[in-house]
Amino acid sequence: MKAKNLLNQTLKQFIVCASALLLLATPLFYLLTKYYYAEDMIDIIEAVHQG
């Protein structure tokens, strides 16, 4: 029974940590895609090359 209890405890900790990491990373990902979107960057690079 102890091994199963330890496994459940470890699994719960993993789920909590993974959820927290995803919740913290979501706003960062949103800001990165909002301000540094690839197509916008391509337009900026082309505009710089054209002058």
PDB file of N, CA and C in Angstrom:
ATOM      1  N   MET A   1       0.803  -1.200   0.000  1.00  0.00           N
ATOM      2  CA  MET A   1       0.000   0.000   0.000  1.00  0.00           C
ATOM      3  C   MET A   1       0.847   1.266   0.000  1.00  0.00           C
ATOM      4  N   LYS A   2       2.034   1.218   0.624  1.00  0.00           N
ATOM      5  CA  LYS A   2       2.856   2.422   0.701  1.00  0.00           C
ATOM      6  C   LYS A   2       3.340   2.858  -0.677  1.00  0.00           C
ATOM      7  N   ALA A   3       3.707   1.914  -1.518  1.00  0.00           N
ATOM      8  CA  ALA A   3       4.193   2.270  -2.853  1.00  0.00           C
ATOM      9  C   ALA A   3       3.085   2.936  -3.667  1.00  0.00           C
ATOM     10  N   LYS A   4       1.873   2.434  -3.551  1.00  0.00           N
ATOM     11  CA  LYS A   4       0.760   3.016  -4.290  1.00  0.00           C
ATOM     12  C   LYS A   4       0.453   4.421  -3.769  1.00  0.00           C
ATOM     13  N   ASN A   5       0.512   4.604  -2.454  1.00  0.00           N
ATOM     14  CA  ASN A   5       0.266   5.909  -1.864  1.00  0.00           C
ATOM     15  C   ASN A   5       1.339   6.903  -2.285  1.00  0.00           C
ATOM     16  N   LEU A   6       2.579   6.473  -2.315  1.00  0.00           N
ATOM     17  CA  LEU A   6       3.683   7.328  -2.741  1.00  0.00           C
ATOM     18  C   LEU A   6       3.531   7.691  -4.213  1.00  0.00           C
ATOM     19  N   LEU A   7       3.104   6.741  -5.031  1.00  0.00           N
ATOM     20  CA  LEU A   7       2.881   7.009  -6.450  1.00  0.00           C
ATOM     21  C   LEU A   7       1.774   8.035  -6.638  1.00  0.00           C
ATOM     22  N   ASN A   8       0.684   7.897  -5.895  1.00  0.00           N
ATOM     23  CA  ASN A   8      -0.414   8.857  -5.993  1.00  0.00           C
ATOM     24  C   ASN A   8       0.038  10.247  -5.568  1.00  0.00           C
ATOM     25  N   GLN A   9       0.823  10.324  -4.499  1.00  0.00           N
ATOM     26  CA  GLN A   9       1.320  11.611  -4.021  1.00  0.00           C
ATOM     27  C   GLN A   9       2.232  12.254  -5.069  1.00  0.00           C
ATOM     28  N   THR A  10       3.107  11.475  -5.661  1.00  0.00           N
ATOM     29  CA  THR A  10       4.009  11.987  -6.679  1.00  0.00           C
ATOM     30  C   THR A  10       3.230  12.431  -7.917  1.00  0.00           C
ATOM     31  N   LEU A  11       2.226  11.656  -8.294  1.00  0.00           N
ATOM     32  CA  LEU A  11       1.399  12.010  -9.443  1.00  0.00           C
ATOM     33  C   LEU A  11       0.638  13.306  -9.188  1.00  0.00           C
ATOM     34  N   LYS A  12       0.123  13.477  -7.991  1.00  0.00           N
ATOM     35  CA  LYS A  12      -0.580  14.718  -7.652  1.00  0.00           C
ATOM     36  C   LYS A  12       0.374  15.907  -7.714  1.00  0.00           C
ATOM     37  N   GLN A  13       1.575  15.757  -7.199  1.00  0.00           N
ATOM     38  CA  GLN A  13       2.558  16.833  -7.247  1.00  0.00           C
ATOM     39  C   GLN A  13       2.912  17.182  -8.691  1.00  0.00           C
ATOM     40  N   PHE A  14       3.069  16.168  -9.520  1.00  0.00           N
ATOM     41  CA  PHE A  14       3.387  16.405 -10.922  1.00  0.00           C
ATOM     42  C   PHE A  14       2.262  17.166 -11.620  1.00  0.00           C
ATOM     43  N   ILE A  15       1.023  16.758 -11.365  1.00  0.00           N
ATOM     44  CA  ILE A  15      -0.119  17.425 -12.000  1.00  0.00           C
ATOM     45  C   ILE A  15      -0.213  18.872 -11.544  1.00  0.00           C
ATOM     46  N   VAL A  16      -0.004  19.129 -10.269  1.00  0.00           N
ATOM     47  CA  VAL A  16      -0.054  20.495  -9.752  1.00  0.00           C
ATOM     48  C   VAL A  16       1.061  21.337 -10.370  1.00  0.00           C
ATOM     49  N   CYS A  17       2.271  20.804 -10.424  1.00  0.00           N
ATOM     50  CA  CYS A  17       3.393  21.550 -11.000  1.00  0.00           C
ATOM     51  C   CYS A  17       3.199  21.793 -12.499  1.00  0.00           C
ATOM     52  N   ALA A  18       2.730  20.803 -13.218  1.00  0.00           N
ATOM     53  CA  ALA A  18       2.508  20.962 -14.658  1.00  0.00           C
ATOM     54  C   ALA A  18       1.407  21.984 -14.920  1.00  0.00           C
ATOM     55  N   SER A  19       0.352  21.942 -14.126  1.00  0.00           N
ATOM     56  CA  SER A  19      -0.737  22.913 -14.295  1.00  0.00           C
ATOM     57  C   SER A  19      -0.260  24.328 -13.995  1.00  0.00           C
ATOM     58  N   ALA A  20       0.514  24.481 -12.931  1.00  0.00           N
ATOM     59  CA  ALA A  20       1.031  25.798 -12.582  1.00  0.00           C
ATOM     60  C   ALA A  20       1.961  26.319 -13.669  1.00  0.00           C
ATOM     61  N   LEU A  21       2.793  25.457 -14.200  1.00  0.00           N
ATOM     62  CA  LEU A  21       3.704  25.862 -15.259  1.00  0.00           C
ATOM     63  C   LEU A  21       2.939  26.304 -16.507  1.00  0.00           C
ATOM     64  N   LEU A  22       1.906  25.563 -16.868  1.00  0.00           N
ATOM     65  CA  LEU A  22       1.099  25.941 -18.032  1.00  0.00           C
ATOM     66  C   LEU A  22       0.362  27.252 -17.791  1.00  0.00           C
ATOM     67  N   LEU A  23      -0.167  27.445 -16.595  1.00  0.00           N
ATOM     68  CA  LEU A  23      -0.875  28.687 -16.292  1.00  0.00           C
ATOM     69  C   LEU A  23       0.070  29.890 -16.308  1.00  0.00           C
ATOM     70  N   LEU A  24       1.303  29.698 -15.868  1.00  0.00           N
ATOM     71  CA  LEU A  24       2.276  30.784 -15.889  1.00  0.00           C
ATOM     72  C   LEU A  24       2.801  31.049 -17.295  1.00  0.00           C
ATOM     73  N   ALA A  25       2.902  30.013 -18.109  1.00  0.00           N
ATOM     74  CA  ALA A  25       3.468  30.173 -19.440  1.00  0.00           C
ATOM     75  C   ALA A  25       2.455  30.718 -20.448  1.00  0.00           C
ATOM     76  N   THR A  26       1.166  30.560 -20.174  1.00  0.00           N
ATOM     77  CA  THR A  26       0.144  31.003 -21.124  1.00  0.00           C
ATOM     78  C   THR A  26       0.196  32.503 -21.392  1.00  0.00           C
ATOM     79  N   PRO A  27       0.242  33.373 -20.373  1.00  0.00           N
ATOM     80  CA  PRO A  27       0.333  34.808 -20.675  1.00  0.00           C
ATOM     81  C   PRO A  27       1.619  35.182 -21.413  1.00  0.00           C
ATOM     82  N   LEU A  28       2.706  34.532 -21.061  1.00  0.00           N
ATOM     83  CA  LEU A  28       3.969  34.801 -21.744  1.00  0.00           C
ATOM     84  C   LEU A  28       3.873  34.424 -23.213  1.00  0.00           C
ATOM     85  N   PHE A  29       3.294  33.273 -23.500  1.00  0.00           N
ATOM     86  CA  PHE A  29       3.117  32.842 -24.881  1.00  0.00           C
ATOM     87  C   PHE A  29       2.215  33.806 -25.639  1.00  0.00           C
ATOM     88  N   TYR A  30       1.154  34.279 -24.984  1.00  0.00           N
ATOM     89  CA  TYR A  30       0.254  35.237 -25.613  1.00  0.00           C
ATOM     90  C   TYR A  30       0.995  36.526 -25.964  1.00  0.00           C
ATOM     91  N   LEU A  31       1.776  37.034 -25.030  1.00  0.00           N
ATOM     92  CA  LEU A  31       2.506  38.275 -25.293  1.00  0.00           C
ATOM     93  C   LEU A  31       3.541  38.099 -26.400  1.00  0.00           C
ATOM     94  N   LEU A  32       4.215  36.964 -26.409  1.00  0.00           N
ATOM     95  CA  LEU A  32       5.200  36.714 -27.461  1.00  0.00           C
ATOM     96  C   LEU A  32       4.545  36.648 -28.834  1.00  0.00           C
ATOM     97  N   THR A  33       3.405  35.970 -28.920  1.00  0.00           N
ATOM     98  CA  THR A  33       2.749  35.878 -30.221  1.00  0.00           C
ATOM     99  C   THR A  33       2.104  37.199 -30.610  1.00  0.00           C
ATOM    100  N   LYS A  34       1.712  38.006 -29.651  1.00  0.00           N
ATOM    101  CA  LYS A  34       1.084  39.290 -29.965  1.00  0.00           C
ATOM    102  C   LYS A  34       2.107  40.287 -30.494  1.00  0.00           C
ATOM    103  N   TYR A  35       3.265  40.364 -29.847  1.00  0.00           N
ATOM    104  CA  TYR A  35       4.246  41.384 -30.204  1.00  0.00           C
ATOM    105  C   TYR A  35       5.323  40.899 -31.175  1.00  0.00           C
ATOM    106  N   TYR A  36       5.556  39.617 -31.247  1.00  0.00           N
ATOM    107  CA  TYR A  36       6.629  39.096 -32.100  1.00  0.00           C
ATOM    108  C   TYR A  36       6.105  38.035 -33.053  1.00  0.00           C
ATOM    109  N   TYR A  37       4.956  38.294 -33.654  1.00  0.00           N
ATOM    110  CA  TYR A  37       4.369  37.330 -34.573  1.00  0.00           C
ATOM    111  C   TYR A  37       5.232  37.232 -35.823  1.00  0.00           C
ATOM    112  N   ALA A  38       5.405  36.051 -36.340  1.00  0.00           N
ATOM    113  CA  ALA A  38       6.363  35.790 -37.408  1.00  0.00           C
ATOM    114  C   ALA A  38       6.049  36.582 -38.680  1.00  0.00           C
ATOM    115  N   GLU A  39       4.782  36.677 -39.057  1.00  0.00           N
ATOM    116  CA  GLU A  39       4.446  37.386 -40.295  1.00  0.00           C
ATOM    117  C   GLU A  39       4.744  38.877 -40.170  1.00  0.00           C
ATOM    118  N   ASP A  40       4.498  39.434 -38.984  1.00  0.00           N
ATOM    119  CA  ASP A  40       4.829  40.844 -38.769  1.00  0.00           C
ATOM    120  C   ASP A  40       6.329  41.066 -38.846  1.00  0.00           C
ATOM    121  N   MET A  41       7.075  40.121 -38.309  1.00  0.00           N
ATOM    122  CA  MET A  41       8.528  40.246 -38.362  1.00  0.00           C
ATOM    123  C   MET A  41       9.022  40.174 -39.810  1.00  0.00           C
ATOM    124  N   ILE A  42       8.420  39.335 -40.620  1.00  0.00           N
ATOM    125  CA  ILE A  42       8.809  39.238 -42.031  1.00  0.00           C
ATOM    126  C   ILE A  42       8.524  40.561 -42.737  1.00  0.00           C
ATOM    127  N   ASP A  43       7.354  41.170 -42.458  1.00  0.00           N
ATOM    128  CA  ASP A  43       7.023  42.462 -43.062  1.00  0.00           C
ATOM    129  C   ASP A  43       8.028  43.537 -42.651  1.00  0.00           C
ATOM    130  N   ILE A  44       8.417  43.537 -41.389  1.00  0.00           N
ATOM    131  CA  ILE A  44       9.391  44.530 -40.908  1.00  0.00           C
ATOM    132  C   ILE A  44      10.738  44.330 -41.592  1.00  0.00           C
ATOM    133  N   ILE A  45      11.166  43.096 -41.714  1.00  0.00           N
ATOM    134  CA  ILE A  45      12.464  42.808 -42.356  1.00  0.00           C
ATOM    135  C   ILE A  45      12.419  43.225 -43.820  1.00  0.00           C
ATOM    136  N   GLU A  46      11.327  42.933 -44.517  1.00  0.00           N
ATOM    137  CA  GLU A  46      11.217  43.328 -45.929  1.00  0.00           C
ATOM    138  C   GLU A  46      11.196  44.858 -46.068  1.00  0.00           C
ATOM    139  N   ALA A  47      10.535  45.542 -45.169  1.00  0.00           N
ATOM    140  CA  ALA A  47      10.490  46.998 -45.224  1.00  0.00           C
ATOM    141  C   ALA A  47      11.876  47.604 -44.989  1.00  0.00           C
ATOM    142  N   VAL A  48      12.645  47.019 -44.117  1.00  0.00           N
ATOM    143  CA  VAL A  48      13.997  47.511 -43.859  1.00  0.00           C
ATOM    144  C   VAL A  48      14.882  47.281 -45.088  1.00  0.00           C
ATOM    145  N   HIS A  49      14.729  46.126 -45.722  1.00  0.00           N
ATOM    146  CA  HIS A  49      15.531  45.856 -46.920  1.00  0.00           C
ATOM    147  C   HIS A  49      15.173  46.773 -48.071  1.00  0.00           C
ATOM    148  N   GLN A  50      13.911  47.178 -48.179  1.00  0.00           N
ATOM    149  CA  GLN A  50      13.490  48.055 -49.278  1.00  0.00           C
ATOM    150  C   GLN A  50      13.818  49.504 -48.992  1.00  0.00           C
ATOM    151  N   GLY A  51      14.039  49.845 -47.762  1.00  0.00           N
ATOM    152  CA  GLY A  51      14.453  51.210 -47.442  1.00  0.00           C
ATOM    153  C   GLY A  51      13.441  52.080 -46.838  1.00  0.00           C
TER     154      GLY A  51
END
